[in-house]
Amino acid sequence: MKIAKLVAVAVAIVPSVLAVSYATDASACGMSIRMDSTPQKPTPVQEIARAEKALENGQNLVAAKAVLANFPRVRSVTAGANPLETRALRVFALAVVRSNGAVNEKSAGVAGRSEWTPTANLEWAVQSIREIDAKRPNDPTVQADLGEALSKLPHGQKEAIEILQKLAEKDLMGSPHAYAALAKLRTAKGDLGGAEAAIKRCEEMSKTPGVCKPASSPKPTPPAAKA
């Protein structure tokens, strides 16, 4: 009887000992995992998404830097060949457009790259967006981008207002920046009512301060003093 009791006690003790041992091992293992964990580097997809968000928030240089960190030769990208590269190309081109040609590799801190003049930079951006438009025909978002880009160049403004007014008439303009560009073009043509309507639509779409600011009107010339 005594032997049977001792066996029963031993059997009862063993599971509890194993449970303590397992918990200790698990705890130690968990501590090891916590100590060895390192932050995951963002993927190129996450970085381009971040660049797109920065662009929409008016942070053109931040957007350009995020693109160049992953695609340092973004100017050599073939539109439509790779979806992610095409997104990167669009972001970089629009960062150039919305900075009036000021954003380039040199301003983004990429060493060893020649500096682009604002006009040449804008010409490149227009051509890049035009190539994206050719690969994605009838896409209102890309068309709005193209109209916005063309509005920055004197020789592109006629085409720009044609593109943007068609989109506005069909209520297909998906970008507040494009509405802002249309407002400036209408102001230049003397269509102040149309410019005001475009600014209103821009303000309904944008949360970024300054995007929809109307083009400044020239100051009136003071009357000549009487003799």
C-alpha atoms as a PDB file:
ATOM      1  CA  MET A   1       0.000   0.000   0.000  1.00  0.00           C
ATOM      2  CA  LYS A   2       2.784   2.390   0.887  1.00  0.00           C
ATOM      3  CA  ILE A   3       4.476   1.785  -2.469  1.00  0.00           C
ATOM      4  CA  ALA A   4       1.188   2.441  -4.310  1.00  0.00           C
ATOM      5  CA  LYS A   5       0.731   5.746  -2.448  1.00  0.00           C
ATOM      6  CA  LEU A   6       4.283   6.836  -3.282  1.00  0.00           C
ATOM      7  CA  VAL A   7       3.710   6.081  -6.966  1.00  0.00           C
ATOM      8  CA  ALA A   8       0.473   8.089  -6.954  1.00  0.00           C
ATOM      9  CA  VAL A   9       2.194  11.105  -5.345  1.00  0.00           C
ATOM     10  CA  ALA A  10       5.057  10.932  -7.890  1.00  0.00           C
ATOM     11  CA  VAL A  11       2.608  10.833 -10.787  1.00  0.00           C
ATOM     12  CA  ALA A  12       0.774  13.850  -9.383  1.00  0.00           C
ATOM     13  CA  ILE A  13       4.009  15.866  -8.983  1.00  0.00           C
ATOM     14  CA  VAL A  14       5.475  15.210 -12.450  1.00  0.00           C
ATOM     15  CA  PRO A  15       2.910  17.270 -14.499  1.00  0.00           C
ATOM     16  CA  SER A  16       3.326  20.298 -12.229  1.00  0.00           C
ATOM     17  CA  VAL A  17       7.125  20.110 -12.554  1.00  0.00           C
ATOM     18  CA  LEU A  18       6.849  19.858 -16.314  1.00  0.00           C
ATOM     19  CA  ALA A  19       4.444  22.799 -16.390  1.00  0.00           C
ATOM     20  CA  VAL A  20       6.875  24.976 -14.394  1.00  0.00           C
ATOM     21  CA  SER A  21       9.751  23.920 -16.652  1.00  0.00           C
ATOM     22  CA  TYR A  22       7.720  24.663 -19.798  1.00  0.00           C
ATOM     23  CA  ALA A  23       6.675  28.082 -18.494  1.00  0.00           C
ATOM     24  CA  THR A  24      10.265  28.933 -17.598  1.00  0.00           C
ATOM     25  CA  ASP A  25      11.509  27.853 -21.018  1.00  0.00           C
ATOM     26  CA  ALA A  26       8.727  29.785 -22.753  1.00  0.00           C
ATOM     27  CA  SER A  27       9.466  32.868 -20.696  1.00  0.00           C
ATOM     28  CA  ALA A  28      13.145  32.636 -21.493  1.00  0.00           C
ATOM     29  CA  CYS A  29      12.376  32.093 -25.137  1.00  0.00           C
ATOM     30  CA  GLY A  30      10.031  35.065 -25.182  1.00  0.00           C
ATOM     31  CA  MET A  31      12.657  37.238 -23.530  1.00  0.00           C
ATOM     32  CA  SER A  32      15.157  36.105 -26.151  1.00  0.00           C
ATOM     33  CA  ILE A  33      12.780  37.079 -28.963  1.00  0.00           C
ATOM     34  CA  ARG A  34      12.160  40.510 -27.465  1.00  0.00           C
ATOM     35  CA  MET A  35      15.862  41.165 -27.071  1.00  0.00           C
ATOM     36  CA  ASP A  36      16.708  40.031 -30.611  1.00  0.00           C
ATOM     37  CA  SER A  37      13.853  41.843 -32.384  1.00  0.00           C
ATOM     38  CA  THR A  38      14.854  44.656 -34.757  1.00  0.00           C
ATOM     39  CA  PRO A  39      12.638  47.177 -36.597  1.00  0.00           C
ATOM     40  CA  GLN A  40      11.576  46.010 -40.024  1.00  0.00           C
ATOM     41  CA  LYS A  41      12.767  48.203 -42.899  1.00  0.00           C
ATOM     42  CA  PRO A  42       9.830  49.594 -44.907  1.00  0.00           C
ATOM     43  CA  THR A  43       9.279  47.882 -48.235  1.00  0.00           C
ATOM     44  CA  PRO A  44       9.433  49.863 -51.506  1.00  0.00           C
ATOM     45  CA  VAL A  45       5.635  49.601 -51.715  1.00  0.00           C
ATOM     46  CA  GLN A  46       5.291  51.195 -48.267  1.00  0.00           C
ATOM     47  CA  GLU A  47       7.823  53.886 -49.145  1.00  0.00           C
ATOM     48  CA  ILE A  48       6.007  54.877 -52.350  1.00  0.00           C
ATOM     49  CA  ALA A  49       2.714  54.942 -50.444  1.00  0.00           C
ATOM     50  CA  ARG A  50       4.388  57.288 -47.953  1.00  0.00           C
ATOM     51  CA  ALA A  51       5.645  59.433 -50.832  1.00  0.00           C
ATOM     52  CA  GLU A  52       2.112  59.662 -52.266  1.00  0.00           C
ATOM     53  CA  LYS A  53       0.764  60.776 -48.901  1.00  0.00           C
ATOM     54  CA  ALA A  54       3.507  63.386 -48.519  1.00  0.00           C
ATOM     55  CA  LEU A  55       2.743  64.677 -52.015  1.00  0.00           C
ATOM     56  CA  GLU A  56      -0.951  65.120 -51.195  1.00  0.00           C
ATOM     57  CA  ASN A  57       0.007  66.951 -47.992  1.00  0.00           C
ATOM     58  CA  GLY A  58       2.088  69.456 -49.942  1.00  0.00           C
ATOM     59  CA  GLN A  59       5.459  68.007 -48.875  1.00  0.00           C
ATOM     60  CA  ASN A  60       6.984  67.876 -52.341  1.00  0.00           C
ATOM     61  CA  LEU A  61      10.616  67.482 -51.291  1.00  0.00           C
ATOM     62  CA  VAL A  62       9.762  64.755 -48.755  1.00  0.00           C
ATOM     63  CA  ALA A  63       7.900  62.880 -51.487  1.00  0.00           C
ATOM     64  CA  ALA A  64      10.812  63.215 -53.914  1.00  0.00           C
ATOM     65  CA  LYS A  65      13.320  61.973 -51.316  1.00  0.00           C
ATOM     66  CA  ALA A  66      11.191  58.899 -50.579  1.00  0.00           C
ATOM     67  CA  VAL A  67      11.032  58.089 -54.292  1.00  0.00           C
ATOM     68  CA  LEU A  68      14.769  58.593 -54.873  1.00  0.00           C
ATOM     69  CA  ALA A  69      15.658  56.440 -51.862  1.00  0.00           C
ATOM     70  CA  ASN A  70      14.054  53.470 -53.622  1.00  0.00           C
ATOM     71  CA  PHE A  71      14.355  54.448 -57.284  1.00  0.00           C
ATOM     72  CA  PRO A  72      17.435  56.671 -57.649  1.00  0.00           C
ATOM     73  CA  ARG A  73      17.153  56.471 -61.465  1.00  0.00           C
ATOM     74  CA  VAL A  74      13.454  57.291 -61.542  1.00  0.00           C
ATOM     75  CA  ARG A  75      13.931  59.559 -64.573  1.00  0.00           C
ATOM     76  CA  SER A  76      14.916  56.473 -66.596  1.00  0.00           C
ATOM     77  CA  VAL A  77      11.768  54.537 -65.680  1.00  0.00           C
ATOM     78  CA  THR A  78       9.620  53.374 -68.614  1.00  0.00           C
ATOM     79  CA  ALA A  79       6.005  54.283 -67.915  1.00  0.00           C
ATOM     80  CA  GLY A  80       3.748  51.235 -67.729  1.00  0.00           C
ATOM     81  CA  ALA A  81       6.546  48.651 -67.588  1.00  0.00           C
ATOM     82  CA  ASN A  82       6.222  48.114 -63.830  1.00  0.00           C
ATOM     83  CA  PRO A  83       3.259  49.303 -61.718  1.00  0.00           C
ATOM     84  CA  LEU A  84       5.327  50.357 -58.703  1.00  0.00           C
ATOM     85  CA  GLU A  85       7.930  52.149 -60.806  1.00  0.00           C
ATOM     86  CA  THR A  86       5.143  53.942 -62.675  1.00  0.00           C
ATOM     87  CA  ARG A  87       3.675  55.117 -59.357  1.00  0.00           C
ATOM     88  CA  ALA A  88       7.109  56.363 -58.323  1.00  0.00           C
ATOM     89  CA  LEU A  89       7.520  58.180 -61.639  1.00  0.00           C
ATOM     90  CA  ARG A  90       4.140  59.900 -61.215  1.00  0.00           C
ATOM     91  CA  VAL A  91       4.935  61.022 -57.660  1.00  0.00           C
ATOM     92  CA  PHE A  92       8.337  62.418 -58.610  1.00  0.00           C
ATOM     93  CA  ALA A  93       6.964  64.211 -61.688  1.00  0.00           C
ATOM     94  CA  LEU A  94       4.151  65.815 -59.683  1.00  0.00           C
ATOM     95  CA  ALA A  95       6.597  66.845 -56.945  1.00  0.00           C
ATOM     96  CA  VAL A  96       8.504  68.682 -59.681  1.00  0.00           C
ATOM     97  CA  VAL A  97       5.296  70.271 -61.021  1.00  0.00           C
ATOM     98  CA  ARG A  98       3.957  71.379 -57.636  1.00  0.00           C
ATOM     99  CA  SER A  99       7.309  72.898 -56.675  1.00  0.00           C
ATOM    100  CA  ASN A 100       7.376  74.850 -59.980  1.00  0.00           C
ATOM    101  CA  GLY A 101      10.435  72.896 -61.078  1.00  0.00           C
ATOM    102  CA  ALA A 102      12.448  73.444 -57.884  1.00  0.00           C
ATOM    103  CA  VAL A 103      12.538  69.820 -56.716  1.00  0.00           C
ATOM    104  CA  ASN A 104      15.319  67.741 -58.289  1.00  0.00           C
ATOM    105  CA  GLU A 105      17.972  65.231 -57.270  1.00  0.00           C
ATOM    106  CA  LYS A 106      20.348  67.893 -56.018  1.00  0.00           C
ATOM    107  CA  SER A 107      17.737  69.593 -53.835  1.00  0.00           C
ATOM    108  CA  ALA A 108      16.817  66.139 -52.495  1.00  0.00           C
ATOM    109  CA  GLY A 109      20.425  65.571 -51.427  1.00  0.00           C
ATOM    110  CA  VAL A 110      21.418  62.972 -54.015  1.00  0.00           C
ATOM    111  CA  ALA A 111      25.147  63.472 -54.548  1.00  0.00           C
ATOM    112  CA  GLY A 112      26.751  63.483 -57.959  1.00  0.00           C
ATOM    113  CA  ARG A 113      23.646  64.461 -59.903  1.00  0.00           C
ATOM    114  CA  SER A 114      23.478  67.514 -62.116  1.00  0.00           C
ATOM    115  CA  GLU A 115      21.021  70.218 -61.215  1.00  0.00           C
ATOM    116  CA  TRP A 116      18.033  70.733 -63.485  1.00  0.00           C
ATOM    117  CA  THR A 117      16.804  74.209 -64.373  1.00  0.00           C
ATOM    118  CA  PRO A 118      13.156  74.755 -63.357  1.00  0.00           C
ATOM    119  CA  THR A 119      11.985  75.001 -66.979  1.00  0.00           C
ATOM    120  CA  ALA A 120      13.835  71.865 -68.114  1.00  0.00           C
ATOM    121  CA  ASN A 121      12.568  70.057 -65.033  1.00  0.00           C
ATOM    122  CA  LEU A 122       8.961  71.001 -65.796  1.00  0.00           C
ATOM    123  CA  GLU A 123       9.368  69.943 -69.427  1.00  0.00           C
ATOM    124  CA  TRP A 124      10.617  66.553 -68.221  1.00  0.00           C
ATOM    125  CA  ALA A 125       7.685  66.225 -65.803  1.00  0.00           C
ATOM    126  CA  VAL A 126       5.136  67.008 -68.544  1.00  0.00           C
ATOM    127  CA  GLN A 127       6.706  64.428 -70.857  1.00  0.00           C
ATOM    128  CA  SER A 128       6.762  61.782 -68.109  1.00  0.00           C
ATOM    129  CA  ILE A 129       3.088  62.298 -67.233  1.00  0.00           C
ATOM    130  CA  ARG A 130       2.200  62.314 -70.930  1.00  0.00           C
ATOM    131  CA  GLU A 131       3.877  58.889 -71.254  1.00  0.00           C
ATOM    132  CA  ILE A 132       1.852  57.591 -68.286  1.00  0.00           C
ATOM    133  CA  ASP A 133      -1.299  58.988 -69.904  1.00  0.00           C
ATOM    134  CA  ALA A 134      -0.460  57.115 -73.121  1.00  0.00           C
ATOM    135  CA  LYS A 135      -0.261  53.836 -71.166  1.00  0.00           C
ATOM    136  CA  ARG A 136      -3.466  54.553 -69.210  1.00  0.00           C
ATOM    137  CA  PRO A 137      -5.813  56.237 -71.730  1.00  0.00           C
ATOM    138  CA  ASN A 138      -9.115  57.694 -70.528  1.00  0.00           C
ATOM    139  CA  ASP A 139      -7.929  57.738 -66.912  1.00  0.00           C
ATOM    140  CA  PRO A 140      -9.301  61.005 -65.428  1.00  0.00           C
ATOM    141  CA  THR A 141      -6.708  61.050 -62.648  1.00  0.00           C
ATOM    142  CA  VAL A 142      -3.785  60.940 -65.072  1.00  0.00           C
ATOM    143  CA  GLN A 143      -5.478  63.435 -67.381  1.00  0.00           C
ATOM    144  CA  ALA A 144      -5.887  65.837 -64.457  1.00  0.00           C
ATOM    145  CA  ASP A 145      -2.192  65.371 -63.634  1.00  0.00           C
ATOM    146  CA  LEU A 146      -1.269  66.167 -67.234  1.00  0.00           C
ATOM    147  CA  GLY A 147      -3.437  69.276 -67.312  1.00  0.00           C
ATOM    148  CA  GLU A 148      -1.935  70.457 -64.036  1.00  0.00           C
ATOM    149  CA  ALA A 149       1.601  69.901 -65.346  1.00  0.00           C
ATOM    150  CA  LEU A 150       0.928  71.626 -68.689  1.00  0.00           C
ATOM    151  CA  SER A 151      -0.476  74.676 -66.892  1.00  0.00           C
ATOM    152  CA  LYS A 152       3.007  75.417 -65.531  1.00  0.00           C
ATOM    153  CA  LEU A 153       4.449  76.038 -69.007  1.00  0.00           C
ATOM    154  CA  PRO A 154       3.366  79.019 -71.150  1.00  0.00           C
ATOM    155  CA  HIS A 155       3.224  76.920 -74.328  1.00  0.00           C
ATOM    156  CA  GLY A 156       1.168  74.222 -72.570  1.00  0.00           C
ATOM    157  CA  GLN A 157      -1.569  76.377 -71.087  1.00  0.00           C
ATOM    158  CA  LYS A 158      -3.937  76.178 -74.062  1.00  0.00           C
ATOM    159  CA  GLU A 159      -3.872  72.370 -73.980  1.00  0.00           C
ATOM    160  CA  ALA A 160      -4.106  72.447 -70.189  1.00  0.00           C
ATOM    161  CA  ILE A 161      -7.326  74.445 -70.068  1.00  0.00           C
ATOM    162  CA  GLU A 162      -8.903  72.207 -72.724  1.00  0.00           C
ATOM    163  CA  ILE A 163      -8.100  69.080 -70.708  1.00  0.00           C
ATOM    164  CA  LEU A 164      -9.121  70.500 -67.342  1.00  0.00           C
ATOM    165  CA  GLN A 165     -12.363  72.128 -68.517  1.00  0.00           C
ATOM    166  CA  LYS A 166     -13.554  68.867 -70.102  1.00  0.00           C
ATOM    167  CA  LEU A 167     -12.893  67.022 -66.847  1.00  0.00           C
ATOM    168  CA  ALA A 168     -14.617  69.734 -64.799  1.00  0.00           C
ATOM    169  CA  GLU A 169     -17.697  69.731 -67.058  1.00  0.00           C
ATOM    170  CA  LYS A 170     -18.065  65.970 -66.594  1.00  0.00           C
ATOM    171  CA  ASP A 171     -17.234  66.229 -62.863  1.00  0.00           C
ATOM    172  CA  LEU A 172     -14.330  63.807 -63.336  1.00  0.00           C
ATOM    173  CA  MET A 173     -11.598  65.958 -61.817  1.00  0.00           C
ATOM    174  CA  GLY A 174     -10.151  63.894 -59.004  1.00  0.00           C
ATOM    175  CA  SER A 175      -7.465  66.324 -57.875  1.00  0.00           C
ATOM    176  CA  PRO A 176      -7.814  69.616 -55.972  1.00  0.00           C
ATOM    177  CA  HIS A 177      -4.475  70.681 -57.471  1.00  0.00           C
ATOM    178  CA  ALA A 178      -5.984  70.349 -60.947  1.00  0.00           C
ATOM    179  CA  TYR A 179      -8.914  72.538 -59.903  1.00  0.00           C
ATOM    180  CA  ALA A 180      -6.430  75.095 -58.560  1.00  0.00           C
ATOM    181  CA  ALA A 181      -4.598  75.025 -61.903  1.00  0.00           C
ATOM    182  CA  LEU A 182      -7.911  75.505 -63.747  1.00  0.00           C
ATOM    183  CA  ALA A 183      -8.760  78.470 -61.512  1.00  0.00           C
ATOM    184  CA  LYS A 184      -5.471  80.176 -62.382  1.00  0.00           C
ATOM    185  CA  LEU A 185      -5.950  79.544 -66.099  1.00  0.00           C
ATOM    186  CA  ARG A 186      -9.485  80.942 -65.998  1.00  0.00           C
ATOM    187  CA  THR A 187      -8.283  83.980 -64.065  1.00  0.00           C
ATOM    188  CA  ALA A 188      -5.646  84.628 -66.726  1.00  0.00           C
ATOM    189  CA  LYS A 189      -8.395  84.529 -69.373  1.00  0.00           C
ATOM    190  CA  GLY A 190     -10.569  86.947 -67.404  1.00  0.00           C
ATOM    191  CA  ASP A 191     -13.161  84.307 -66.476  1.00  0.00           C
ATOM    192  CA  LEU A 192     -13.418  85.320 -62.827  1.00  0.00           C
ATOM    193  CA  GLY A 193     -16.731  83.532 -62.263  1.00  0.00           C
ATOM    194  CA  GLY A 194     -15.311  80.284 -63.614  1.00  0.00           C
ATOM    195  CA  ALA A 195     -12.174  80.732 -61.522  1.00  0.00           C
ATOM    196  CA  GLU A 196     -14.254  81.212 -58.386  1.00  0.00           C
ATOM    197  CA  ALA A 197     -16.240  78.048 -59.138  1.00  0.00           C
ATOM    198  CA  ALA A 198     -13.001  76.053 -59.606  1.00  0.00           C
ATOM    199  CA  ILE A 199     -11.583  77.409 -56.339  1.00  0.00           C
ATOM    200  CA  LYS A 200     -14.771  76.403 -54.520  1.00  0.00           C
ATOM    201  CA  ARG A 201     -14.525  72.823 -55.834  1.00  0.00           C
ATOM    202  CA  CYS A 202     -10.848  72.760 -54.900  1.00  0.00           C
ATOM    203  CA  GLU A 203     -11.631  73.828 -51.339  1.00  0.00           C
ATOM    204  CA  GLU A 204     -14.298  71.130 -51.066  1.00  0.00           C
ATOM    205  CA  MET A 205     -11.725  68.487 -51.988  1.00  0.00           C
ATOM    206  CA  SER A 206      -8.539  69.632 -50.254  1.00  0.00           C
ATOM    207  CA  LYS A 207      -7.563  69.789 -46.593  1.00  0.00           C
ATOM    208  CA  THR A 208      -4.073  71.142 -47.284  1.00  0.00           C
ATOM    209  CA  PRO A 209      -3.758  74.882 -46.631  1.00  0.00           C
ATOM    210  CA  GLY A 210      -2.675  76.994 -49.599  1.00  0.00           C
ATOM    211  CA  VAL A 211      -3.531  74.501 -52.358  1.00  0.00           C
ATOM    212  CA  CYS A 212      -6.587  76.446 -53.510  1.00  0.00           C
ATOM    213  CA  LYS A 213      -5.199  79.929 -53.011  1.00  0.00           C
ATOM    214  CA  PRO A 214      -6.391  82.003 -55.981  1.00  0.00           C
ATOM    215  CA  ALA A 215      -3.922  83.657 -58.306  1.00  0.00           C
ATOM    216  CA  SER A 216      -3.005  87.072 -57.000  1.00  0.00           C
ATOM    217  CA  SER A 217      -4.556  89.922 -58.932  1.00  0.00           C
ATOM    218  CA  PRO A 218      -2.312  92.739 -60.135  1.00  0.00           C
ATOM    219  CA  LYS A 219      -2.378  95.822 -57.949  1.00  0.00           C
ATOM    220  CA  PRO A 220      -4.309  98.718 -59.460  1.00  0.00           C
ATOM    221  CA  THR A 221      -2.179 101.489 -60.883  1.00  0.00           C
ATOM    222  CA  PRO A 222      -2.630 104.715 -58.834  1.00  0.00           C
ATOM    223  CA  PRO A 223      -4.100 107.602 -60.797  1.00  0.00           C
ATOM    224  CA  ALA A 224      -1.603 110.078 -62.185  1.00  0.00           C
ATOM    225  CA  ALA A 225      -1.219 113.206 -60.124  1.00  0.00           C
ATOM    226  CA  LYS A 226      -2.851 116.277 -61.577  1.00  0.00           C
ATOM    227  CA  ALA A 227      -0.617 119.050 -62.689  1.00  0.00           C
END
